[in-house]
Each structure stands twice: as C-alpha cells, then as structure tokens.
Protein backbone atom coordinates (compact mmCIF):
# COMPACT_ATOMS: atom_id res chain seq x y z
CA MET A 1 0.00 0.00 0.00
CA LEU A 2 2.78 2.42 0.94
CA LYS A 3 4.67 1.51 -2.23
CA ARG A 4 1.66 2.28 -4.45
CA THR A 5 1.04 5.56 -2.65
CA SER A 6 4.69 6.59 -3.06
CA VAL A 7 4.67 5.76 -6.77
CA PHE A 8 1.42 7.71 -7.21
CA ILE A 9 2.84 10.79 -5.43
CA VAL A 10 6.03 10.74 -7.54
CA LEU A 11 4.00 10.44 -10.76
CA VAL A 12 1.70 13.30 -9.78
CA LEU A 13 4.70 15.50 -8.93
CA MET A 14 6.40 14.65 -12.22
CA LEU A 15 3.28 15.48 -14.22
CA ALA A 16 2.63 18.67 -12.27
CA LEU A 17 6.19 19.90 -12.69
CA GLY A 18 6.28 18.81 -16.32
CA GLY A 19 3.23 20.86 -17.25
CA VAL A 20 4.76 24.11 -16.01
CA ALA A 21 8.36 23.47 -17.03
CA ASP A 22 10.33 26.28 -18.59
CA ALA A 23 12.77 26.17 -21.53
CA GLN A 24 15.58 27.62 -19.39
CA ASN A 25 16.94 24.17 -18.56
CA SER A 26 20.52 23.68 -19.68
CA LYS A 27 21.74 20.94 -22.02
CA PHE A 28 24.14 19.43 -19.47
CA THR A 29 24.35 19.68 -15.70
CA ILE A 30 27.21 18.37 -13.56
CA PHE A 31 26.91 18.14 -9.76
CA ALA A 32 29.58 17.26 -7.20
CA GLY A 33 29.47 17.62 -3.45
CA TYR A 34 29.33 16.28 0.09
CA SER A 35 26.76 13.65 1.02
CA TYR A 36 25.58 12.25 4.36
CA GLY A 37 24.02 8.79 4.46
CA ASN A 38 22.09 7.02 7.21
CA THR A 39 21.59 3.28 6.75
CA ASN A 40 21.89 -0.13 8.38
CA TYR A 41 23.50 -3.36 7.21
CA GLY A 42 21.57 -6.26 8.68
CA ASP A 43 19.55 -6.02 11.88
CA THR A 44 21.99 -3.78 13.70
CA HIS A 45 22.27 -0.12 14.60
CA ARG A 46 22.06 2.56 11.90
CA SER A 47 25.28 3.96 10.51
CA HIS A 48 26.11 7.61 10.03
CA LEU A 49 28.17 7.63 6.84
CA ASN A 50 30.00 10.54 5.22
CA GLY A 51 31.02 10.70 1.60
CA TRP A 52 30.46 12.24 -1.78
CA GLU A 53 27.87 12.32 -4.55
CA ALA A 54 28.28 13.26 -8.20
CA SER A 55 25.79 13.29 -11.05
CA VAL A 56 25.59 14.12 -14.73
CA GLU A 57 22.31 15.16 -16.28
CA GLY A 58 22.24 15.40 -20.02
CA TYR A 59 20.11 13.22 -22.23
CA ARG A 60 17.11 15.52 -22.70
CA LEU A 61 13.86 13.77 -23.63
CA ARG A 62 11.80 16.97 -23.27
CA HIS A 63 12.80 20.46 -22.12
CA TRP A 64 11.59 19.49 -18.62
CA LEU A 65 12.56 15.78 -18.64
CA THR A 66 16.16 14.54 -18.60
CA PHE A 67 18.09 11.39 -17.84
CA VAL A 68 20.45 11.58 -14.85
CA ALA A 69 23.36 9.28 -13.95
CA ASP A 70 24.38 9.39 -10.28
CA GLY A 71 27.31 7.93 -8.36
CA SER A 72 28.14 8.12 -4.67
CA GLY A 73 30.55 6.76 -2.09
CA TYR A 74 30.08 6.55 1.68
CA TYR A 75 32.52 5.67 4.45
CA GLY A 76 32.15 5.06 8.17
CA TRP A 77 31.66 2.50 10.94
CA ASN A 78 28.79 0.11 11.60
CA GLN A 79 28.01 -2.68 14.03
CA PHE A 80 27.84 -5.87 11.97
CA PRO A 81 26.96 -9.35 13.27
CA ILE A 82 29.80 -11.83 12.76
CA SER A 83 28.91 -15.48 13.09
CA CYS A 84 31.10 -17.73 15.25
CA VAL A 85 31.83 -19.85 12.18
CA THR A 86 33.81 -17.05 10.54
CA VAL A 87 35.82 -15.93 13.57
CA PRO A 88 38.27 -18.26 15.39
CA VAL A 89 37.34 -16.87 18.82
CA CYS A 90 33.61 -16.39 19.30
CA THR A 91 32.59 -13.31 21.30
CA PRO A 92 29.03 -12.38 22.16
CA ALA A 93 29.65 -8.70 21.29
CA ILE A 94 28.88 -7.30 17.85
CA PRO A 95 32.07 -5.55 16.71
CA ASP A 96 32.34 -2.25 14.87
CA VAL A 97 33.40 -2.73 11.26
CA ARG A 98 34.64 -0.23 8.71
CA ALA A 99 31.98 0.17 6.01
CA ARG A 100 32.49 1.36 2.44
CA GLN A 101 29.52 1.77 0.12
CA TYR A 102 29.47 2.68 -3.58
CA THR A 103 26.26 3.26 -5.52
CA LEU A 104 25.60 3.79 -9.24
CA LEU A 105 22.10 4.90 -10.27
CA GLY A 106 20.31 6.23 -13.33
CA GLY A 107 16.82 7.36 -14.24
CA PRO A 108 14.49 10.19 -15.26
CA GLN A 109 14.47 13.61 -13.66
CA VAL A 110 11.88 16.38 -13.98
CA SER A 111 12.96 19.97 -13.35
CA ILE A 112 11.82 23.54 -13.89
CA PHE A 113 13.24 27.03 -13.40
CA ARG A 114 11.47 29.45 -11.08
CA GLY A 115 13.50 32.64 -11.01
CA ARG A 116 16.89 31.72 -9.51
CA PHE A 117 15.58 28.37 -8.21
CA ARG A 118 15.41 25.04 -10.06
CA PRO A 119 13.43 22.39 -8.15
CA PHE A 120 13.64 18.79 -9.37
CA VAL A 121 12.40 15.28 -8.59
CA HIS A 122 13.82 11.98 -9.81
CA GLY A 123 13.39 8.22 -9.64
CA MET A 124 16.42 6.02 -10.27
CA GLY A 125 17.54 2.42 -10.28
CA GLY A 126 20.94 0.76 -10.18
CA ALA A 127 23.31 -1.16 -7.95
CA THR A 128 25.18 -0.80 -4.66
CA ARG A 129 28.37 -2.50 -3.45
CA VAL A 130 29.22 -2.59 0.25
CA THR A 131 32.29 -3.95 2.00
CA VAL A 132 32.59 -4.30 5.76
CA LYS A 133 35.83 -5.33 7.45
CA THR A 134 37.57 -5.50 10.77
CA THR A 135 40.55 -7.48 12.06
CA GLY A 136 40.11 -11.08 10.91
CA PHE A 137 36.83 -10.45 9.10
CA PHE A 138 35.73 -9.26 5.65
CA ALA A 139 32.32 -9.34 3.95
CA SER A 140 31.06 -7.84 0.71
CA SER A 141 27.69 -7.62 -1.00
CA ILE A 142 26.39 -6.28 -4.31
CA GLY A 143 22.67 -5.72 -4.82
CA TYR A 144 20.05 -3.75 -6.66
CA THR A 145 19.03 -0.29 -5.47
CA ILE A 146 16.04 1.92 -6.20
CA ALA A 147 15.91 5.57 -5.21
CA ALA A 148 13.49 8.48 -5.22
CA GLY A 149 14.08 12.04 -4.17
CA GLY A 150 14.58 15.57 -5.24
CA GLY A 151 16.04 18.90 -4.35
CA VAL A 152 16.60 22.44 -5.49
CA ASP A 153 19.40 24.29 -7.26
CA TYR A 154 19.94 27.98 -6.46
CA GLN A 155 21.56 29.87 -9.33
CA TRP A 156 24.49 31.59 -7.67
CA ARG A 157 26.74 33.15 -10.30
CA GLY A 158 26.51 32.61 -14.04
CA PRO A 159 26.43 28.87 -14.78
CA ILE A 160 27.22 27.90 -11.16
CA SER A 161 24.47 26.86 -8.77
CA ILE A 162 24.33 25.53 -5.21
CA ARG A 163 22.34 22.32 -4.68
CA VAL A 164 20.54 20.89 -1.67
CA ALA A 165 19.00 17.45 -2.23
CA GLY A 166 17.61 14.45 -0.41
CA ASP A 167 16.90 10.86 -1.44
CA TYR A 168 15.44 7.63 -0.11
CA LEU A 169 17.30 4.50 -1.26
CA ARG A 170 16.01 0.94 -0.95
CA MET A 171 18.90 -1.53 -1.18
CA ASP A 172 19.11 -5.32 -1.16
CA LEU A 173 22.42 -6.27 0.50
CA PHE A 174 23.60 -9.18 2.64
CA ASN A 175 20.38 -11.11 1.81
CA THR A 176 18.18 -8.47 3.45
CA SER A 177 16.71 -5.08 2.59
CA GLN A 178 18.10 -1.79 3.83
CA ASN A 179 16.53 1.67 3.95
CA MET A 180 18.97 4.51 3.41
CA TYR A 181 18.37 8.22 3.67
CA ARG A 182 20.87 10.60 2.16
CA ALA A 183 21.26 14.37 2.09
CA SER A 184 23.65 16.11 -0.27
CA THR A 185 24.91 19.61 -0.94
CA GLY A 186 27.47 20.95 -3.37
CA PHE A 187 28.05 22.87 -6.56
CA VAL A 188 26.37 22.51 -9.94
CA ILE A 189 27.65 23.67 -13.31
CA HIS A 190 25.12 24.19 -16.11
CA PHE A 191 26.24 24.00 -19.76
C-alpha cells in the first residue's frame, strides 16, 4: 500500500512539474558535493556515513525531462553481526566494522526554473556494493538499489548553482533489505 502511494505521489509531482516546465533548462548539468548517508547493514544499529555524490544530467527527452546518472561513495563505521563460524574466537559482542559503500544509479528527472531556483524530482535504479571489514573479518555484497528524491538548485553566479537534495534509497544487501536516507549539498555547473 505504501509503495503504491509513493509511486502515485512521484508520478503526480512529475506530471505537475512537467506541465509548467520552462525552456531555461541547460543541455548538461554536472553536480559534485558532500553527502551524508544514514543506513543499516543487517539487523543492527544505523550507521552515520560521510562521503560524496556526483551526477551528470544530459540526455534531454523533453525540455523538462532529462536522464540523470548518479554515483556516490560513503565511508564510516557500523556494528555488523559476525557469526562464530567465521571468527576463530567467538565473542558475544557485535564488533564495529569499517563500512564502504558505492552506488551507481540512473533514471528520469523532472525539473523547472522558477527565477533563480530550479526544483527537481527523480526516480532512479541501479546497484550498490558494500564492504565491511575488521581485524580477521571481511564481507562484501552487491545488490540492486532503487531511489526516489529531489532537491533544489539555487543559481548563484553565471552557470554555477548551489544544490541541496535528499533521497530515499532501498537496497538489497547481505540477503536483506536496507533503507537509506541521504542528504547532499554541493556545486552545480550548467552548460
């Protein structure tokens, strides 16, 4: 039920924004900046991950509809359950492990210009790779990822804008599903 409602809301927003879109959209847009991610791997505590996000928007289907390719990397610590089979000495504690996560996504994006502001929404799909390791232990997982979100660009000077964005990512890693929330900010160059 929640999934259908979310899809319906995204479609309504895309149609609403598409009907009032302006021809001011650039041919290419490149974004790079800082990104904060909050996720969990398995049934453990949530991780506060820091990293980067970069995207290229360019294949224009309509003046308000483009294709965006997005990549991100996150780094931090997470509590990860290690089975006694994989560790020579079994301890009841769940150790902290170093986590590294890389995500590649792509999909449609709807955007408009409103004065100096450019709001946008997007839906994307792709893959995520995560590695977790600590002394004597290493695990890795690759799985599909779907994402939905949006943000706004503020035209700062000439072709340079400042972006604030947020996304929800649903990932399938380590044979279970994860919910990730990410917030990003950085600079955008419009060509």
